[in-house]
Amino acid sequence: MNKFEMKNVIENTGNEVKKAVSKGKDIVFDSKDKVFDALDINKDGRVDTEDIIVLGLRIPGVHIDREEFLRKQFMKNYANDVIQDAVKFNPAHAGITVEEIDNIADQVIQYERNCVSGISLALGAPGGVAMVATLPTDIAQYYGYMLRAIQKLSYLYGFPEINVENGVNIDDETMNLITLCLGVMYGVEGSVASIKILSNALGKGVEKKLLQKALTKGTFYPIVKKISRWFSVCMTKQVFAGFFRKAIPVVGGVVGGGITYLSFKPCCDNLKKSLQDTALCNPSSRKSFDEFDVIDV
């Protein structure tokens, strides 16, 4: 092969590579649009906490029955009258120590972490660009297990039943409460203080109607909107990064599962920590400010 022929081969090869790369990008971006459309449940043009919550709650097994969960956790070590008290009020009211509640919370976090890591690893298996079709499922599964953790931790640390059984028509109060919990998990500014205020208010018996109004129109609502906006940006980055992660056969699955495993626990630990020192689960909890002055609707 002479130099002229060699030059033509190199140029032609380069052109074909460029065409392949360009075509690959077109497929990725076209698929990305389809994924966003699938994730945009309320069709408002963005993917935020409302979409993620609804998507996660539609997965069978995500809803946690509060009474059933609490009975299962305490049936081995406590008499029925203590368990009845924990169900009627909360575990702390029944005299169950914070240390034991913390221990069960750690077990809950580890269990849900193992589950979500296995799901992520399976969905990140070989398949290249074709695997982008699983992205909504991947994301739904991840946040589905996160919603399970939210419910379990909330019940352990004294919250009443969270109305999530339907997964379709979720009231604003429930949506905003779960959004606050997600904000705490991801460290969004203002969310930790909000969930502590809410927990302390519940522990002190603040009227339910007042708390409902604070969640939907008053005190906590600006924080809820802030968390939702933060999630919208975060989800855009996650979905986009997901295309390239899943384009790496086998390794993509291992890396994806590993990242999920590492990221899940800190998020749950953040929520656990914010719920530990409140009047709802610890009557002697410390107060650095008067919560009730903050609940202004």
C-alpha atoms as a PDB file:
ATOM      1  CA  MET A   1       0.000   0.000   0.000  1.00  0.00           C
ATOM      2  CA  ASN A   2       1.508   3.345  -1.060  1.00  0.00           C
ATOM      3  CA  LYS A   3       1.399   6.557   0.947  1.00  0.00           C
ATOM      4  CA  PHE A   4      -1.524   7.937  -1.036  1.00  0.00           C
ATOM      5  CA  GLU A   5      -3.634   4.821  -0.419  1.00  0.00           C
ATOM      6  CA  MET A   6      -2.655   4.792   3.237  1.00  0.00           C
ATOM      7  CA  LYS A   7      -3.719   8.417   3.575  1.00  0.00           C
ATOM      8  CA  ASN A   8      -7.142   7.620   2.055  1.00  0.00           C
ATOM      9  CA  VAL A   9      -7.645   4.675   4.423  1.00  0.00           C
ATOM     10  CA  ILE A  10      -6.818   6.812   7.439  1.00  0.00           C
ATOM     11  CA  GLU A  11      -9.136   9.618   6.295  1.00  0.00           C
ATOM     12  CA  ASN A  12     -11.975   7.212   5.525  1.00  0.00           C
ATOM     13  CA  THR A  13     -11.557   5.478   8.865  1.00  0.00           C
ATOM     14  CA  GLY A  14     -11.583   8.812  10.636  1.00  0.00           C
ATOM     15  CA  ASN A  15     -14.767   9.833   8.845  1.00  0.00           C
ATOM     16  CA  GLU A  16     -16.481   6.581   9.773  1.00  0.00           C
ATOM     17  CA  VAL A  17     -15.478   7.012  13.411  1.00  0.00           C
ATOM     18  CA  LYS A  18     -16.873  10.553  13.401  1.00  0.00           C
ATOM     19  CA  LYS A  19     -20.136   9.302  11.890  1.00  0.00           C
ATOM     20  CA  ALA A  20     -20.400   6.534  14.491  1.00  0.00           C
ATOM     21  CA  VAL A  21     -19.732   8.938  17.360  1.00  0.00           C
ATOM     22  CA  SER A  22     -22.248  11.421  15.976  1.00  0.00           C
ATOM     23  CA  LYS A  23     -24.858   8.705  15.564  1.00  0.00           C
ATOM     24  CA  GLY A  24     -24.178   7.462  19.090  1.00  0.00           C
ATOM     25  CA  LYS A  25     -24.671  10.951  20.483  1.00  0.00           C
ATOM     26  CA  ASP A  26     -27.944  11.312  18.579  1.00  0.00           C
ATOM     27  CA  ILE A  27     -29.178   8.022  20.052  1.00  0.00           C
ATOM     28  CA  VAL A  28     -28.135   9.023  23.557  1.00  0.00           C
ATOM     29  CA  PHE A  29     -29.743  12.453  23.473  1.00  0.00           C
ATOM     30  CA  ASP A  30     -32.901  11.097  21.830  1.00  0.00           C
ATOM     31  CA  SER A  31     -33.088   8.409  24.528  1.00  0.00           C
ATOM     32  CA  LYS A  32     -32.368  10.987  27.209  1.00  0.00           C
ATOM     33  CA  ASP A  33     -35.415  12.990  26.102  1.00  0.00           C
ATOM     34  CA  LYS A  34     -37.529   9.844  26.254  1.00  0.00           C
ATOM     35  CA  VAL A  35     -36.251   9.038  29.741  1.00  0.00           C
ATOM     36  CA  PHE A  36     -37.068  12.530  30.994  1.00  0.00           C
ATOM     37  CA  ASP A  37     -40.526  12.234  29.488  1.00  0.00           C
ATOM     38  CA  ALA A  38     -41.012   8.926  31.308  1.00  0.00           C
ATOM     39  CA  LEU A  39     -39.821  10.415  34.611  1.00  0.00           C
ATOM     40  CA  ASP A  40     -41.839  13.636  34.289  1.00  0.00           C
ATOM     41  CA  ILE A  41     -44.961  12.102  35.823  1.00  0.00           C
ATOM     42  CA  ASN A  42     -46.878  15.361  36.281  1.00  0.00           C
ATOM     43  CA  LYS A  43     -45.784  16.641  32.846  1.00  0.00           C
ATOM     44  CA  ASP A  44     -44.610  20.040  34.095  1.00  0.00           C
ATOM     45  CA  GLY A  45     -41.436  19.947  32.003  1.00  0.00           C
ATOM     46  CA  ARG A  46     -39.017  18.958  34.760  1.00  0.00           C
ATOM     47  CA  VAL A  47     -38.191  16.015  36.994  1.00  0.00           C
ATOM     48  CA  ASP A  48     -38.495  16.946  40.669  1.00  0.00           C
ATOM     49  CA  THR A  49     -39.429  15.444  44.038  1.00  0.00           C
ATOM     50  CA  GLU A  50     -43.108  15.104  43.159  1.00  0.00           C
ATOM     51  CA  ASP A  51     -42.276  12.933  40.142  1.00  0.00           C
ATOM     52  CA  ILE A  52     -39.765  10.847  42.083  1.00  0.00           C
ATOM     53  CA  ILE A  53     -42.112  10.301  45.029  1.00  0.00           C
ATOM     54  CA  VAL A  54     -45.052   9.244  42.859  1.00  0.00           C
ATOM     55  CA  LEU A  55     -42.823   7.017  40.737  1.00  0.00           C
ATOM     56  CA  GLY A  56     -41.303   5.359  43.793  1.00  0.00           C
ATOM     57  CA  LEU A  57     -44.627   4.817  45.547  1.00  0.00           C
ATOM     58  CA  ARG A  58     -46.062   3.028  42.542  1.00  0.00           C
ATOM     59  CA  ILE A  59     -43.630   0.162  43.074  1.00  0.00           C
ATOM     60  CA  PRO A  60     -45.254  -2.796  44.894  1.00  0.00           C
ATOM     61  CA  GLY A  61     -43.873  -3.195  48.406  1.00  0.00           C
ATOM     62  CA  VAL A  62     -42.801   0.413  48.919  1.00  0.00           C
ATOM     63  CA  HIS A  63     -45.708   1.223  51.226  1.00  0.00           C
ATOM     64  CA  ILE A  64     -44.934   0.327  54.859  1.00  0.00           C
ATOM     65  CA  ASP A  65     -47.862  -0.342  57.184  1.00  0.00           C
ATOM     66  CA  ARG A  66     -46.936   1.481  60.397  1.00  0.00           C
ATOM     67  CA  GLU A  67     -48.675  -0.843  62.866  1.00  0.00           C
ATOM     68  CA  GLU A  68     -47.422  -4.002  61.199  1.00  0.00           C
ATOM     69  CA  PHE A  69     -43.873  -2.641  61.064  1.00  0.00           C
ATOM     70  CA  LEU A  70     -43.767  -1.552  64.719  1.00  0.00           C
ATOM     71  CA  ARG A  71     -45.284  -4.811  65.959  1.00  0.00           C
ATOM     72  CA  LYS A  72     -42.718  -6.828  64.022  1.00  0.00           C
ATOM     73  CA  GLN A  73     -39.798  -4.799  65.431  1.00  0.00           C
ATOM     74  CA  PHE A  74     -40.793  -5.054  69.089  1.00  0.00           C
ATOM     75  CA  MET A  75     -42.677  -8.351  69.415  1.00  0.00           C
ATOM     76  CA  LYS A  76     -39.590 -10.332  70.511  1.00  0.00           C
ATOM     77  CA  ASN A  77     -38.629  -8.140  73.467  1.00  0.00           C
ATOM     78  CA  TYR A  78     -41.788  -6.423  74.678  1.00  0.00           C
ATOM     79  CA  ALA A  79     -45.176  -7.354  76.076  1.00  0.00           C
ATOM     80  CA  ASN A  80     -48.293  -6.735  74.034  1.00  0.00           C
ATOM     81  CA  ASP A  81     -49.401  -3.757  76.165  1.00  0.00           C
ATOM     82  CA  VAL A  82     -46.070  -1.985  75.454  1.00  0.00           C
ATOM     83  CA  ILE A  83     -46.410  -2.679  71.737  1.00  0.00           C
ATOM     84  CA  GLN A  84     -50.001  -1.417  71.824  1.00  0.00           C
ATOM     85  CA  ASP A  85     -48.761   1.823  73.384  1.00  0.00           C
ATOM     86  CA  ALA A  86     -46.041   2.162  70.734  1.00  0.00           C
ATOM     87  CA  VAL A  87     -48.624   1.727  67.988  1.00  0.00           C
ATOM     88  CA  LYS A  88     -51.185   4.047  69.559  1.00  0.00           C
ATOM     89  CA  PHE A  89     -48.660   6.777  70.351  1.00  0.00           C
ATOM     90  CA  ASN A  90     -45.010   6.039  69.470  1.00  0.00           C
ATOM     91  CA  PRO A  91     -42.108   3.847  70.673  1.00  0.00           C
ATOM     92  CA  ALA A  92     -40.681   6.512  73.003  1.00  0.00           C
ATOM     93  CA  HIS A  93     -44.090   7.005  74.649  1.00  0.00           C
ATOM     94  CA  ALA A  94     -44.173   3.237  75.278  1.00  0.00           C
ATOM     95  CA  GLY A  95     -40.895   3.483  77.182  1.00  0.00           C
ATOM     96  CA  ILE A  96     -38.667   1.963  74.522  1.00  0.00           C
ATOM     97  CA  THR A  97     -35.211   3.478  74.873  1.00  0.00           C
ATOM     98  CA  VAL A  98     -33.586   5.728  72.298  1.00  0.00           C
ATOM     99  CA  GLU A  99     -30.633   3.324  72.212  1.00  0.00           C
ATOM    100  CA  GLU A 100     -32.833   0.422  71.145  1.00  0.00           C
ATOM    101  CA  ILE A 101     -34.662   2.557  68.588  1.00  0.00           C
ATOM    102  CA  ASP A 102     -31.289   3.644  67.189  1.00  0.00           C
ATOM    103  CA  ASN A 103     -30.172   0.018  66.951  1.00  0.00           C
ATOM    104  CA  ILE A 104     -33.289  -0.994  65.010  1.00  0.00           C
ATOM    105  CA  ALA A 105     -32.881   2.072  62.783  1.00  0.00           C
ATOM    106  CA  ASP A 106     -29.356   0.955  61.892  1.00  0.00           C
ATOM    107  CA  GLN A 107     -30.674  -2.501  60.964  1.00  0.00           C
ATOM    108  CA  VAL A 108     -33.378  -0.922  58.805  1.00  0.00           C
ATOM    109  CA  ILE A 109     -30.833   1.224  56.971  1.00  0.00           C
ATOM    110  CA  GLN A 110     -28.534  -1.748  56.349  1.00  0.00           C
ATOM    111  CA  TYR A 111     -31.388  -3.923  55.067  1.00  0.00           C
ATOM    112  CA  GLU A 112     -32.729  -1.319  52.629  1.00  0.00           C
ATOM    113  CA  ARG A 113     -29.186  -0.495  51.554  1.00  0.00           C
ATOM    114  CA  ASN A 114     -28.476  -4.098  50.644  1.00  0.00           C
ATOM    115  CA  CYS A 115     -31.726  -4.321  48.685  1.00  0.00           C
ATOM    116  CA  VAL A 116     -31.194  -1.178  46.640  1.00  0.00           C
ATOM    117  CA  SER A 117     -27.578  -2.058  45.916  1.00  0.00           C
ATOM    118  CA  GLY A 118     -28.610  -5.417  44.465  1.00  0.00           C
ATOM    119  CA  ILE A 119     -31.239  -3.806  42.257  1.00  0.00           C
ATOM    120  CA  SER A 120     -28.805  -1.200  40.950  1.00  0.00           C
ATOM    121  CA  LEU A 121     -26.171  -3.832  40.201  1.00  0.00           C
ATOM    122  CA  ALA A 122     -28.633  -5.981  38.232  1.00  0.00           C
ATOM    123  CA  LEU A 123     -29.979  -3.061  36.215  1.00  0.00           C
ATOM    124  CA  GLY A 124     -26.479  -1.815  35.431  1.00  0.00           C
ATOM    125  CA  ALA A 125     -25.474  -5.065  33.729  1.00  0.00           C
ATOM    126  CA  PRO A 126     -24.264  -5.232  30.084  1.00  0.00           C
ATOM    127  CA  GLY A 127     -26.345  -3.708  27.326  1.00  0.00           C
ATOM    128  CA  GLY A 128     -24.760  -0.454  26.259  1.00  0.00           C
ATOM    129  CA  VAL A 129     -27.052   2.240  24.893  1.00  0.00           C
ATOM    130  CA  ALA A 130     -29.976  -0.205  24.794  1.00  0.00           C
ATOM    131  CA  MET A 131     -29.924  -0.209  28.592  1.00  0.00           C
ATOM    132  CA  VAL A 132     -31.150   3.383  28.773  1.00  0.00           C
ATOM    133  CA  ALA A 133     -34.666   1.964  28.656  1.00  0.00           C
ATOM    134  CA  THR A 134     -34.123   0.704  32.215  1.00  0.00           C
ATOM    135  CA  LEU A 135     -33.116   4.090  33.613  1.00  0.00           C
ATOM    136  CA  PRO A 136     -36.606   5.073  34.849  1.00  0.00           C
ATOM    137  CA  THR A 137     -36.844   1.650  36.518  1.00  0.00           C
ATOM    138  CA  ASP A 138     -33.388   2.054  38.030  1.00  0.00           C
ATOM    139  CA  ILE A 139     -34.266   5.461  39.449  1.00  0.00           C
ATOM    140  CA  ALA A 140     -37.712   4.339  40.610  1.00  0.00           C
ATOM    141  CA  GLN A 141     -36.222   1.355  42.428  1.00  0.00           C
ATOM    142  CA  TYR A 142     -33.552   3.474  44.119  1.00  0.00           C
ATOM    143  CA  TYR A 143     -35.990   6.057  45.413  1.00  0.00           C
ATOM    144  CA  GLY A 144     -38.565   3.372  46.160  1.00  0.00           C
ATOM    145  CA  TYR A 145     -36.191   1.863  48.710  1.00  0.00           C
ATOM    146  CA  MET A 146     -35.359   5.323  49.972  1.00  0.00           C
ATOM    147  CA  LEU A 147     -39.083   5.954  50.537  1.00  0.00           C
ATOM    148  CA  ARG A 148     -39.284   2.662  52.429  1.00  0.00           C
ATOM    149  CA  ALA A 149     -36.443   3.851  54.666  1.00  0.00           C
ATOM    150  CA  ILE A 150     -38.172   7.208  55.219  1.00  0.00           C
ATOM    151  CA  GLN A 151     -41.355   5.513  56.394  1.00  0.00           C
ATOM    152  CA  LYS A 152     -39.583   3.055  58.688  1.00  0.00           C
ATOM    153  CA  LEU A 153     -37.321   5.658  60.290  1.00  0.00           C
ATOM    154  CA  SER A 154     -40.215   8.077  60.711  1.00  0.00           C
ATOM    155  CA  TYR A 155     -42.280   5.448  62.512  1.00  0.00           C
ATOM    156  CA  LEU A 156     -39.412   4.405  64.764  1.00  0.00           C
ATOM    157  CA  TYR A 157     -38.811   7.997  65.797  1.00  0.00           C
ATOM    158  CA  GLY A 158     -42.440   8.784  66.493  1.00  0.00           C
ATOM    159  CA  PHE A 159     -44.200   9.992  63.342  1.00  0.00           C
ATOM    160  CA  PRO A 160     -47.794   8.932  62.755  1.00  0.00           C
ATOM    161  CA  GLU A 161     -48.866   6.936  59.690  1.00  0.00           C
ATOM    162  CA  ILE A 162     -47.727   8.518  56.423  1.00  0.00           C
ATOM    163  CA  ASN A 163     -50.477   8.280  53.837  1.00  0.00           C
ATOM    164  CA  VAL A 164     -48.611   6.699  50.922  1.00  0.00           C
ATOM    165  CA  GLU A 165     -50.590   3.533  50.165  1.00  0.00           C
ATOM    166  CA  ASN A 166     -52.176   4.764  46.941  1.00  0.00           C
ATOM    167  CA  GLY A 167     -49.126   6.102  45.120  1.00  0.00           C
ATOM    168  CA  VAL A 168     -51.346   7.968  42.661  1.00  0.00           C
ATOM    169  CA  ASN A 169     -53.387  10.631  44.441  1.00  0.00           C
ATOM    170  CA  ILE A 170     -51.066  11.755  47.214  1.00  0.00           C
ATOM    171  CA  ASP A 171     -52.238  14.740  49.274  1.00  0.00           C
ATOM    172  CA  ASP A 172     -50.041  17.836  49.486  1.00  0.00           C
ATOM    173  CA  GLU A 173     -49.288  17.351  53.174  1.00  0.00           C
ATOM    174  CA  THR A 174     -47.870  13.870  52.581  1.00  0.00           C
ATOM    175  CA  MET A 175     -45.972  14.973  49.491  1.00  0.00           C
ATOM    176  CA  ASN A 176     -44.371  17.891  51.320  1.00  0.00           C
ATOM    177  CA  LEU A 177     -43.501  15.825  54.396  1.00  0.00           C
ATOM    178  CA  ILE A 178     -41.689  13.233  52.272  1.00  0.00           C
ATOM    179  CA  THR A 179     -39.999  16.037  50.336  1.00  0.00           C
ATOM    180  CA  LEU A 180     -38.660  17.458  53.610  1.00  0.00           C
ATOM    181  CA  CYS A 181     -37.300  14.022  54.518  1.00  0.00           C
ATOM    182  CA  LEU A 182     -35.571  13.729  51.145  1.00  0.00           C
ATOM    183  CA  GLY A 183     -34.124  17.198  51.676  1.00  0.00           C
ATOM    184  CA  VAL A 184     -32.713  16.097  55.029  1.00  0.00           C
ATOM    185  CA  MET A 185     -31.226  12.992  53.442  1.00  0.00           C
ATOM    186  CA  TYR A 186     -29.402  15.002  50.803  1.00  0.00           C
ATOM    187  CA  GLY A 187     -28.421  17.873  53.078  1.00  0.00           C
ATOM    188  CA  VAL A 188     -30.480  20.603  51.415  1.00  0.00           C
ATOM    189  CA  GLU A 189     -30.169  23.770  53.482  1.00  0.00           C
ATOM    190  CA  GLY A 190     -33.105  24.421  55.806  1.00  0.00           C
ATOM    191  CA  SER A 191     -34.537  20.906  55.641  1.00  0.00           C
ATOM    192  CA  VAL A 192     -32.937  19.589  58.847  1.00  0.00           C
ATOM    193  CA  ALA A 193     -34.246  22.494  60.923  1.00  0.00           C
ATOM    194  CA  SER A 194     -37.675  22.056  59.345  1.00  0.00           C
ATOM    195  CA  ILE A 195     -37.973  18.356  60.129  1.00  0.00           C
ATOM    196  CA  LYS A 196     -36.806  18.977  63.716  1.00  0.00           C
ATOM    197  CA  ILE A 197     -39.386  21.727  64.153  1.00  0.00           C
ATOM    198  CA  LEU A 198     -42.077  19.467  62.768  1.00  0.00           C
ATOM    199  CA  SER A 199     -41.038  16.545  64.985  1.00  0.00           C
ATOM    200  CA  ASN A 200     -40.946  18.688  68.117  1.00  0.00           C
ATOM    201  CA  ALA A 201     -44.313  20.218  67.286  1.00  0.00           C
ATOM    202  CA  LEU A 202     -45.846  16.754  66.896  1.00  0.00           C
ATOM    203  CA  GLY A 203     -44.245  15.705  70.173  1.00  0.00           C
ATOM    204  CA  LYS A 204     -45.758  18.663  71.982  1.00  0.00           C
ATOM    205  CA  GLY A 205     -49.206  18.032  70.539  1.00  0.00           C
ATOM    206  CA  VAL A 206     -49.535  21.006  68.212  1.00  0.00           C
ATOM    207  CA  GLU A 207     -52.907  20.902  66.477  1.00  0.00           C
ATOM    208  CA  LYS A 208     -52.834  18.746  63.357  1.00  0.00           C
ATOM    209  CA  LYS A 209     -54.674  21.319  61.241  1.00  0.00           C
ATOM    210  CA  LEU A 210     -52.013  23.901  62.042  1.00  0.00           C
ATOM    211  CA  LEU A 211     -49.239  21.525  60.986  1.00  0.00           C
ATOM    212  CA  GLN A 212     -51.090  20.626  57.800  1.00  0.00           C
ATOM    213  CA  LYS A 213     -51.367  24.291  56.930  1.00  0.00           C
ATOM    214  CA  ALA A 214     -47.706  24.891  57.777  1.00  0.00           C
ATOM    215  CA  LEU A 215     -46.720  22.049  55.442  1.00  0.00           C
ATOM    216  CA  THR A 216     -48.895  23.124  52.528  1.00  0.00           C
ATOM    217  CA  LYS A 217     -49.027  26.922  52.688  1.00  0.00           C
ATOM    218  CA  GLY A 218     -46.949  28.314  55.505  1.00  0.00           C
ATOM    219  CA  THR A 219     -43.746  27.732  57.455  1.00  0.00           C
ATOM    220  CA  PHE A 220     -42.302  24.733  55.650  1.00  0.00           C
ATOM    221  CA  TYR A 221     -43.635  25.392  52.159  1.00  0.00           C
ATOM    222  CA  PRO A 222     -40.732  27.618  50.962  1.00  0.00           C
ATOM    223  CA  ILE A 223     -38.247  24.947  52.084  1.00  0.00           C
ATOM    224  CA  VAL A 224     -40.264  22.278  50.270  1.00  0.00           C
ATOM    225  CA  LYS A 225     -40.123  24.288  47.026  1.00  0.00           C
ATOM    226  CA  LYS A 226     -36.394  24.842  47.484  1.00  0.00           C
ATOM    227  CA  ILE A 227     -35.803  21.097  47.898  1.00  0.00           C
ATOM    228  CA  SER A 228     -37.913  20.381  44.831  1.00  0.00           C
ATOM    229  CA  ARG A 229     -35.880  22.817  42.715  1.00  0.00           C
ATOM    230  CA  TRP A 230     -32.627  21.319  44.011  1.00  0.00           C
ATOM    231  CA  PHE A 231     -33.823  17.846  43.086  1.00  0.00           C
ATOM    232  CA  SER A 232     -34.747  18.988  39.599  1.00  0.00           C
ATOM    233  CA  VAL A 233     -31.154  20.048  38.945  1.00  0.00           C
ATOM    234  CA  CYS A 234     -29.758  16.965  40.677  1.00  0.00           C
ATOM    235  CA  MET A 235     -31.944  14.561  38.701  1.00  0.00           C
ATOM    236  CA  THR A 236     -30.910  16.152  35.409  1.00  0.00           C
ATOM    237  CA  LYS A 237     -27.271  15.455  36.266  1.00  0.00           C
ATOM    238  CA  GLN A 238     -28.007  11.930  37.516  1.00  0.00           C
ATOM    239  CA  VAL A 239     -29.938  10.886  34.441  1.00  0.00           C
ATOM    240  CA  PHE A 240     -27.334  12.323  32.072  1.00  0.00           C
ATOM    241  CA  ALA A 241     -24.504  10.631  33.958  1.00  0.00           C
ATOM    242  CA  GLY A 242     -26.486   7.407  33.931  1.00  0.00           C
ATOM    243  CA  PHE A 243     -26.261   7.107  30.150  1.00  0.00           C
ATOM    244  CA  PHE A 244     -22.493   6.957  30.246  1.00  0.00           C
ATOM    245  CA  ARG A 245     -22.389   4.688  33.278  1.00  0.00           C
ATOM    246  CA  LYS A 246     -24.682   2.155  31.601  1.00  0.00           C
ATOM    247  CA  ALA A 247     -22.735   2.359  28.348  1.00  0.00           C
ATOM    248  CA  ILE A 248     -19.847   0.590  30.070  1.00  0.00           C
ATOM    249  CA  PRO A 249     -20.613  -3.166  29.952  1.00  0.00           C
ATOM    250  CA  VAL A 250     -20.319  -5.096  33.244  1.00  0.00           C
ATOM    251  CA  VAL A 251     -18.071  -2.497  34.837  1.00  0.00           C
ATOM    252  CA  GLY A 252     -20.953  -0.044  34.644  1.00  0.00           C
ATOM    253  CA  GLY A 253     -23.052  -2.386  36.719  1.00  0.00           C
ATOM    254  CA  VAL A 254     -20.367  -2.881  39.337  1.00  0.00           C
ATOM    255  CA  VAL A 255     -19.599   0.812  39.579  1.00  0.00           C
ATOM    256  CA  GLY A 256     -23.287   1.724  39.599  1.00  0.00           C
ATOM    257  CA  GLY A 257     -24.068  -0.767  42.347  1.00  0.00           C
ATOM    258  CA  GLY A 258     -21.064   0.352  44.360  1.00  0.00           C
ATOM    259  CA  ILE A 259     -21.980   4.014  44.127  1.00  0.00           C
ATOM    260  CA  THR A 260     -25.552   3.233  45.175  1.00  0.00           C
ATOM    261  CA  TYR A 261     -24.330   1.158  48.119  1.00  0.00           C
ATOM    262  CA  LEU A 262     -22.009   3.921  49.297  1.00  0.00           C
ATOM    263  CA  SER A 263     -24.449   6.799  48.818  1.00  0.00           C
ATOM    264  CA  PHE A 264     -27.567   5.234  50.331  1.00  0.00           C
ATOM    265  CA  LYS A 265     -26.407   4.868  53.942  1.00  0.00           C
ATOM    266  CA  PRO A 266     -25.171   8.456  54.466  1.00  0.00           C
ATOM    267  CA  CYS A 267     -28.520   9.749  53.192  1.00  0.00           C
ATOM    268  CA  CYS A 268     -30.424   7.541  55.644  1.00  0.00           C
ATOM    269  CA  ASP A 269     -28.017   8.384  58.466  1.00  0.00           C
ATOM    270  CA  ASN A 270     -28.738  12.077  57.896  1.00  0.00           C
ATOM    271  CA  LEU A 271     -32.450  11.494  58.413  1.00  0.00           C
ATOM    272  CA  LYS A 272     -31.877   9.262  61.426  1.00  0.00           C
ATOM    273  CA  LYS A 273     -29.658  11.883  63.068  1.00  0.00           C
ATOM    274  CA  SER A 274     -32.190  14.658  62.523  1.00  0.00           C
ATOM    275  CA  LEU A 275     -34.964  12.587  64.152  1.00  0.00           C
ATOM    276  CA  GLN A 276     -32.982  11.383  67.179  1.00  0.00           C
ATOM    277  CA  ASP A 277     -32.978  14.522  69.292  1.00  0.00           C
ATOM    278  CA  THR A 278     -36.574  15.715  69.116  1.00  0.00           C
ATOM    279  CA  ALA A 279     -39.493  15.847  71.544  1.00  0.00           C
ATOM    280  CA  LEU A 280     -41.269  13.233  69.452  1.00  0.00           C
ATOM    281  CA  CYS A 281     -38.836  10.435  70.379  1.00  0.00           C
ATOM    282  CA  ASN A 282     -36.889  11.962  73.258  1.00  0.00           C
ATOM    283  CA  PRO A 283     -38.792  14.090  75.810  1.00  0.00           C
ATOM    284  CA  SER A 284     -35.509  15.450  77.212  1.00  0.00           C
ATOM    285  CA  SER A 285     -34.244  16.577  73.811  1.00  0.00           C
ATOM    286  CA  ARG A 286     -32.310  19.833  73.601  1.00  0.00           C
ATOM    287  CA  LYS A 287     -33.901  22.957  72.142  1.00  0.00           C
ATOM    288  CA  SER A 288     -31.889  25.827  70.707  1.00  0.00           C
ATOM    289  CA  PHE A 289     -34.966  27.837  69.769  1.00  0.00           C
ATOM    290  CA  ASP A 290     -38.721  27.892  70.278  1.00  0.00           C
ATOM    291  CA  GLU A 291     -40.238  25.831  67.472  1.00  0.00           C
ATOM    292  CA  PHE A 292     -43.671  27.195  67.992  1.00  0.00           C
ATOM    293  CA  ASP A 293     -42.613  30.718  67.164  1.00  0.00           C
ATOM    294  CA  VAL A 294     -41.500  29.398  63.789  1.00  0.00           C
ATOM    295  CA  ILE A 295     -44.805  27.731  62.914  1.00  0.00           C
ATOM    296  CA  ASP A 296     -46.476  30.889  61.705  1.00  0.00           C
ATOM    297  CA  VAL A 297     -49.141  30.411  59.030  1.00  0.00           C
END
